[in-house]
């Protein structure tokens, strides 16, 4: 029996890749028309190409290799943002840098990045940034705990709101109380970026090891989702579980990086409306019947259906018992 090809070209894979490329090129030409700088076409063309390659591979590769589509996008975009724009371009791409530029009224690369990816973008593609481009998770998603432990720790996610408030207060203090002007911040951008990233990676590694969960930093500590969560409720792009094709195996929920109750949304005949969804395609790739698809339409949901450690989960227990039998 012939082995399955590593890459299988399909209309869906090609359309997905081309769609993302066209979207980002359109943003690049928009910025070019507004500023006259051709750099924006190259910048957004590169990001669009990186996402397009990942989107294509995540659908064209055979099942076991599909996650590498997303990881390739993470690496291409993460190294570009952190390495080229950050370390080589001496621009603070961290959220603290964005706060400084915001207070100073300076429109920088970090300002454009946050505006597109984390303020306007979530209205269209939700928290895709967290799944496909974050340079912190670019490293953490390579750690061994890709399948999270069952359920989240209740209320621990409040730490990211505290982190957001502390970052904002820190920047405000330096800017207004210590008279740390935009010029002063720009002179120390590389130092801010290095120290900030070192702290982020340290926290990410410590909490991942402690909880045996690669995405623990994303779930509990990272301040970036604070604004993205509010805006991604209106996202046009969300996952949809088709109950007609679903065999109720539960693999999607067991492997969801963000502990979302995907099947509960399906039973309510809703798309996955949780603002914790990072559109990583893990559920899409793991589903044995192809019941989960990325869909585009407008809907809003306010109910967060998340598996928590303290929840009573009889369905999951029943599933595990039947598998053991």
Protein backbone atom coordinates (compact mmCIF):
# COMPACT_ATOMS: atom_id res chain seq x y z
CA UNK A 1 0.00 0.00 0.00
CA UNK A 2 1.59 3.32 -1.05
CA UNK A 3 2.49 5.73 1.73
CA UNK A 4 0.70 9.04 2.05
CA UNK A 5 2.51 11.94 0.37
CA UNK A 6 4.09 14.44 2.72
CA UNK A 7 2.45 17.37 0.89
CA UNK A 8 -0.94 17.07 -0.77
CA UNK A 9 -1.99 20.04 -2.88
CA UNK A 10 -5.65 20.92 -2.61
CA UNK A 11 -7.89 23.79 -3.57
CA UNK A 12 -8.57 24.56 0.10
CA UNK A 13 -4.85 24.75 0.95
CA UNK A 14 -4.07 27.00 -2.02
CA UNK A 15 -7.05 29.28 -1.39
CA UNK A 16 -6.17 29.63 2.28
CA UNK A 17 -2.58 30.59 1.53
CA UNK A 18 -3.46 33.02 -1.26
CA UNK A 19 -6.22 34.59 0.82
CA UNK A 20 -3.84 35.59 3.63
CA UNK A 21 -1.22 36.83 1.17
CA UNK A 22 -3.74 39.05 -0.65
CA UNK A 23 -5.08 40.41 2.66
CA UNK A 24 -1.67 41.52 3.90
CA UNK A 25 -0.60 42.86 0.51
CA UNK A 26 -3.76 44.99 0.52
CA UNK A 27 -2.70 46.45 3.88
CA UNK A 28 0.77 47.13 2.46
CA UNK A 29 -0.61 48.97 -0.58
CA UNK A 30 -2.97 50.92 1.70
CA UNK A 31 -0.03 52.16 3.77
CA UNK A 32 1.95 52.86 0.58
CA UNK A 33 -0.91 54.97 -0.81
CA UNK A 34 -1.12 56.88 2.49
CA UNK A 35 2.62 57.47 2.98
CA UNK A 36 4.34 56.95 -0.35
CA UNK A 37 6.80 54.52 1.29
CA UNK A 38 7.27 51.32 -0.71
CA UNK A 39 8.74 49.70 2.42
CA UNK A 40 5.21 48.94 3.60
CA UNK A 41 4.53 46.76 0.55
CA UNK A 42 7.65 44.75 1.32
CA UNK A 43 6.88 44.61 5.08
CA UNK A 44 3.31 43.38 4.79
CA UNK A 45 4.18 41.28 1.77
CA UNK A 46 6.71 39.39 3.89
CA UNK A 47 4.23 38.92 6.76
CA UNK A 48 1.53 37.84 4.32
CA UNK A 49 3.91 35.39 2.66
CA UNK A 50 4.88 33.95 6.07
CA UNK A 51 1.25 33.45 7.08
CA UNK A 52 0.36 32.11 3.63
CA UNK A 53 3.11 29.48 3.77
CA UNK A 54 1.95 28.37 7.22
CA UNK A 55 -1.73 28.31 6.27
CA UNK A 56 -0.98 26.31 3.11
CA UNK A 57 1.25 23.78 4.88
CA UNK A 58 -1.15 23.32 7.81
CA UNK A 59 -3.70 22.05 5.28
CA UNK A 60 -1.39 20.38 2.75
CA UNK A 61 0.96 18.43 5.03
CA UNK A 62 -0.01 14.98 6.24
CA UNK A 63 -1.73 14.89 9.62
CA UNK A 64 1.27 14.40 11.93
CA UNK A 65 3.18 17.24 10.29
CA UNK A 66 0.34 19.77 10.04
CA UNK A 67 1.32 21.67 13.25
CA UNK A 68 4.59 22.62 11.57
CA UNK A 69 2.71 24.88 9.18
CA UNK A 70 1.77 27.20 12.02
CA UNK A 71 5.19 26.89 13.67
CA UNK A 72 6.93 27.89 10.45
CA UNK A 73 4.79 31.04 10.35
CA UNK A 74 5.65 31.72 14.01
CA UNK A 75 9.36 31.40 13.31
CA UNK A 76 9.34 33.51 10.13
CA UNK A 77 7.29 36.33 11.69
CA UNK A 78 8.71 36.10 15.21
CA UNK A 79 12.34 36.29 14.10
CA UNK A 80 11.51 39.14 11.73
CA UNK A 81 9.68 41.19 14.36
CA UNK A 82 12.04 40.49 17.24
CA UNK A 83 15.29 40.19 15.30
CA UNK A 84 15.10 42.60 12.37
CA UNK A 85 12.75 45.30 13.66
CA UNK A 86 13.67 44.86 17.32
CA UNK A 87 17.33 44.04 17.85
CA UNK A 88 18.70 45.28 14.50
CA UNK A 89 16.24 48.15 14.06
CA UNK A 90 16.50 49.15 17.74
CA UNK A 91 12.73 49.40 18.10
CA UNK A 92 10.98 48.27 21.28
CA UNK A 93 8.32 45.87 19.98
CA UNK A 94 7.13 44.94 23.49
CA UNK A 95 3.85 46.30 24.84
CA UNK A 96 5.82 48.70 27.04
CA UNK A 97 7.36 50.23 23.90
CA UNK A 98 3.90 50.70 22.43
CA UNK A 99 2.79 52.52 25.59
CA UNK A 100 5.75 54.88 25.35
CA UNK A 101 5.06 55.69 21.71
CA UNK A 102 1.39 56.18 22.50
CA UNK A 103 2.12 58.72 25.26
CA UNK A 104 4.66 60.52 23.08
CA UNK A 105 2.41 60.62 20.01
CA UNK A 106 5.10 58.85 17.98
CA UNK A 107 3.93 56.58 15.13
CA UNK A 108 6.60 53.88 14.98
CA UNK A 109 6.90 50.33 13.72
CA UNK A 110 5.67 49.10 17.11
CA UNK A 111 2.69 51.45 16.89
CA UNK A 112 1.76 50.12 13.45
CA UNK A 113 2.27 46.54 14.62
CA UNK A 114 -0.05 46.94 17.61
CA UNK A 115 -2.60 48.87 15.58
CA UNK A 116 -2.83 46.22 12.84
CA UNK A 117 -2.25 42.99 14.78
CA UNK A 118 -3.73 43.74 18.18
CA UNK A 119 -6.26 46.55 17.89
CA UNK A 120 -7.83 46.39 14.41
CA UNK A 121 -6.84 42.86 13.43
CA UNK A 122 -8.88 41.07 16.13
CA UNK A 123 -12.07 42.40 14.53
CA UNK A 124 -11.20 40.33 11.46
CA UNK A 125 -9.00 37.40 12.51
CA UNK A 126 -9.41 37.28 16.29
CA UNK A 127 -6.36 36.28 18.28
CA UNK A 128 -4.54 34.70 15.34
CA UNK A 129 -1.47 36.72 16.33
CA UNK A 130 -1.19 34.66 19.53
CA UNK A 131 -1.32 31.40 17.59
CA UNK A 132 0.66 32.24 14.47
CA UNK A 133 3.11 35.08 15.14
CA UNK A 134 3.96 35.60 18.83
CA UNK A 135 7.75 35.46 19.32
CA UNK A 136 7.43 34.31 22.93
CA UNK A 137 5.24 31.36 21.98
CA UNK A 138 7.48 30.77 18.95
CA UNK A 139 9.91 29.28 21.48
CA UNK A 140 7.46 27.94 24.05
CA UNK A 141 5.45 25.92 21.51
CA UNK A 142 8.59 23.81 20.96
CA UNK A 143 8.61 22.64 24.58
CA UNK A 144 7.40 19.07 25.30
CA UNK A 145 4.02 19.89 26.91
CA UNK A 146 2.04 20.49 23.73
CA UNK A 147 -1.06 18.79 25.09
CA UNK A 148 -2.13 20.76 28.18
CA UNK A 149 -3.05 19.19 31.49
CA UNK A 150 -6.81 18.82 31.89
CA UNK A 151 -8.39 22.17 32.70
CA UNK A 152 -7.22 25.62 33.68
CA UNK A 153 -6.56 26.98 37.14
CA UNK A 154 -9.47 29.25 38.03
CA UNK A 155 -8.74 32.96 38.48
CA UNK A 156 -5.02 32.59 37.68
CA UNK A 157 -5.74 34.41 34.43
CA UNK A 158 -6.26 37.58 36.46
CA UNK A 159 -2.46 37.83 36.54
CA UNK A 160 -2.39 39.05 32.93
CA UNK A 161 -4.66 41.97 33.82
CA UNK A 162 -2.37 42.80 36.72
CA UNK A 163 0.62 42.51 34.37
CA UNK A 164 -1.08 44.88 31.91
CA UNK A 165 -1.77 47.40 34.67
CA UNK A 166 1.79 47.16 36.04
CA UNK A 167 3.31 47.65 32.56
CA UNK A 168 1.11 50.67 31.94
CA UNK A 169 1.89 52.11 35.39
CA UNK A 170 5.63 51.53 34.90
CA UNK A 171 5.69 53.35 31.58
CA UNK A 172 3.48 56.13 32.95
CA UNK A 173 5.82 56.57 35.89
CA UNK A 174 8.91 56.82 33.73
CA UNK A 175 7.25 59.07 31.19
CA UNK A 176 5.39 61.53 33.41
CA UNK A 177 7.10 61.36 36.80
CA UNK A 178 10.71 60.78 35.76
CA UNK A 179 10.35 62.97 32.65
CA UNK A 180 11.53 60.06 30.50
CA UNK A 181 10.70 61.65 27.14
CA UNK A 182 10.21 59.96 23.81
CA UNK A 183 13.79 60.81 22.93
CA UNK A 184 15.01 59.22 26.14
CA UNK A 185 12.99 56.09 25.54
CA UNK A 186 14.17 55.77 21.95
CA UNK A 187 17.79 56.02 23.08
CA UNK A 188 17.24 53.04 25.39
CA UNK A 189 14.92 50.99 23.16
CA UNK A 190 17.33 48.08 22.70
CA UNK A 191 17.89 47.83 26.47
CA UNK A 192 14.14 47.89 27.15
CA UNK A 193 13.58 45.23 24.49
CA UNK A 194 16.33 42.94 25.80
CA UNK A 195 15.32 43.21 29.45
CA UNK A 196 11.60 42.91 28.69
CA UNK A 197 12.03 39.85 26.50
CA UNK A 198 14.38 38.19 28.98
CA UNK A 199 11.76 38.60 31.72
CA UNK A 200 8.96 37.36 29.47
CA UNK A 201 10.89 34.25 28.42
CA UNK A 202 11.94 33.56 32.01
CA UNK A 203 8.35 33.76 33.25
CA UNK A 204 7.14 31.68 30.30
CA UNK A 205 9.64 28.88 30.95
CA UNK A 206 9.08 28.82 34.71
CA UNK A 207 5.28 28.61 34.50
CA UNK A 208 5.40 26.10 31.60
CA UNK A 209 7.65 23.78 33.61
CA UNK A 210 5.59 24.25 36.78
CA UNK A 211 2.22 23.55 35.11
CA UNK A 212 3.47 21.24 32.32
CA UNK A 213 1.77 23.47 29.77
CA UNK A 214 3.54 25.24 26.88
CA UNK A 215 0.80 27.87 26.70
CA UNK A 216 0.64 28.70 30.42
CA UNK A 217 2.23 32.13 29.88
CA UNK A 218 -0.34 32.92 27.19
CA UNK A 219 -3.23 31.82 29.42
CA UNK A 220 -2.21 33.37 32.72
CA UNK A 221 0.49 36.07 32.48
CA UNK A 222 0.84 37.70 29.03
CA UNK A 223 -0.64 41.24 29.06
CA UNK A 224 -1.23 41.45 25.29
CA UNK A 225 -4.54 39.48 25.21
CA UNK A 226 -6.17 41.98 27.59
CA UNK A 227 -7.22 44.25 24.70
CA UNK A 228 -7.36 41.51 22.09
CA UNK A 229 -9.91 39.48 24.06
CA UNK A 230 -12.38 42.37 24.12
CA UNK A 231 -12.07 43.00 20.40
CA UNK A 232 -11.93 39.38 19.19
CA UNK A 233 -15.54 38.83 20.32
CA UNK A 234 -16.49 40.56 17.06
CA UNK A 235 -14.04 38.56 14.93
CA UNK A 236 -15.29 37.47 11.53
CA UNK A 237 -12.99 34.44 11.54
CA UNK A 238 -13.87 31.69 14.01
CA UNK A 239 -13.85 27.90 14.18
CA UNK A 240 -17.03 25.91 13.65
CA UNK A 241 -17.70 22.32 14.76
CA UNK A 242 -20.24 20.61 12.49
CA UNK A 243 -22.16 18.16 14.67
CA UNK A 244 -23.39 16.24 11.60
CA UNK A 245 -19.79 15.16 10.91
CA UNK A 246 -18.65 14.92 14.56
CA UNK A 247 -18.28 11.46 16.14
CA UNK A 248 -17.99 12.92 19.68
CA UNK A 249 -14.54 11.42 20.25
CA UNK A 250 -13.48 14.48 22.26
CA UNK A 251 -10.01 14.70 20.70
CA UNK A 252 -10.52 18.37 19.85
CA UNK A 253 -11.13 19.34 23.48
CA UNK A 254 -8.44 17.03 24.84
CA UNK A 255 -5.83 18.65 22.58
CA UNK A 256 -7.07 22.26 22.58
CA UNK A 257 -4.10 24.42 23.57
CA UNK A 258 -6.42 26.89 25.31
CA UNK A 259 -8.79 24.45 27.14
CA UNK A 260 -11.93 25.53 25.29
CA UNK A 261 -15.16 23.51 25.45
CA UNK A 262 -15.48 23.23 21.69
CA UNK A 263 -18.21 20.58 21.73
CA UNK A 264 -20.39 22.64 24.05
CA UNK A 265 -20.40 25.49 21.52
CA UNK A 266 -21.29 22.94 18.83
CA UNK A 267 -24.20 21.58 20.88
CA UNK A 268 -25.52 25.12 21.18
CA UNK A 269 -25.22 25.43 17.36
CA UNK A 270 -22.69 28.23 17.74
CA UNK A 271 -19.26 28.85 16.37
CA UNK A 272 -16.38 28.80 18.87
CA UNK A 273 -17.07 32.21 20.40
CA UNK A 274 -14.48 32.05 23.17
CA UNK A 275 -12.01 34.95 23.19
CA UNK A 276 -9.41 32.42 24.32
CA UNK A 277 -9.35 30.80 20.87
CA UNK A 278 -6.03 31.55 19.12
CA UNK A 279 -7.10 29.88 15.84
CA UNK A 280 -4.09 27.56 16.06
CA UNK A 281 -5.88 24.87 14.00
CA UNK A 282 -4.96 22.16 16.51
CA UNK A 283 -8.59 21.06 16.70
CA UNK A 284 -8.92 21.18 12.91
CA UNK A 285 -5.85 19.02 12.43
CA UNK A 286 -6.67 16.47 15.16
CA UNK A 287 -10.30 15.88 14.17
CA UNK A 288 -10.52 12.42 12.51
CA UNK A 289 -13.74 13.24 10.62
CA UNK A 290 -12.92 16.75 9.38
CA UNK A 291 -15.84 18.19 11.34
CA UNK A 292 -14.06 21.44 12.28
CA UNK A 293 -13.57 24.29 9.81
CA UNK A 294 -12.49 27.92 9.89
CA UNK A 295 -15.48 30.03 8.87
CA UNK A 296 -16.17 33.69 8.13
CA UNK A 297 -19.30 35.51 9.30
CA UNK A 298 -20.40 38.03 11.93
CA UNK A 299 -21.56 36.86 15.34
CA UNK A 300 -20.93 37.85 18.95
CA UNK A 301 -20.79 35.70 22.04
CA UNK A 302 -20.31 36.66 25.66
CA UNK A 303 -20.16 33.21 27.23
CA UNK A 304 -16.68 31.80 27.86
CA UNK A 305 -16.85 28.01 27.85
CA UNK A 306 -13.50 26.93 29.29
CA UNK A 307 -12.53 23.65 30.96
CA UNK A 308 -11.44 24.41 34.52
CA UNK A 309 -9.74 22.04 36.92
CA UNK A 310 -12.54 22.48 39.45
CA UNK A 311 -15.30 21.75 36.94
CA UNK A 312 -17.29 18.55 37.21
CA UNK A 313 -16.65 16.88 33.84
CA UNK A 314 -18.67 13.64 33.74
CA UNK A 315 -18.57 13.44 29.93
CA UNK A 316 -14.78 13.47 29.86
CA UNK A 317 -14.60 10.89 32.65
CA UNK A 318 -17.06 8.67 30.84
CA UNK A 319 -15.01 8.98 27.66
CA UNK A 320 -11.81 8.02 29.45
CA UNK A 321 -13.48 5.03 31.10
CA UNK A 322 -14.85 3.79 27.78
CA UNK A 323 -11.39 4.11 26.19
CA UNK A 324 -9.83 2.19 29.07
CA UNK A 325 -12.42 -0.55 28.68
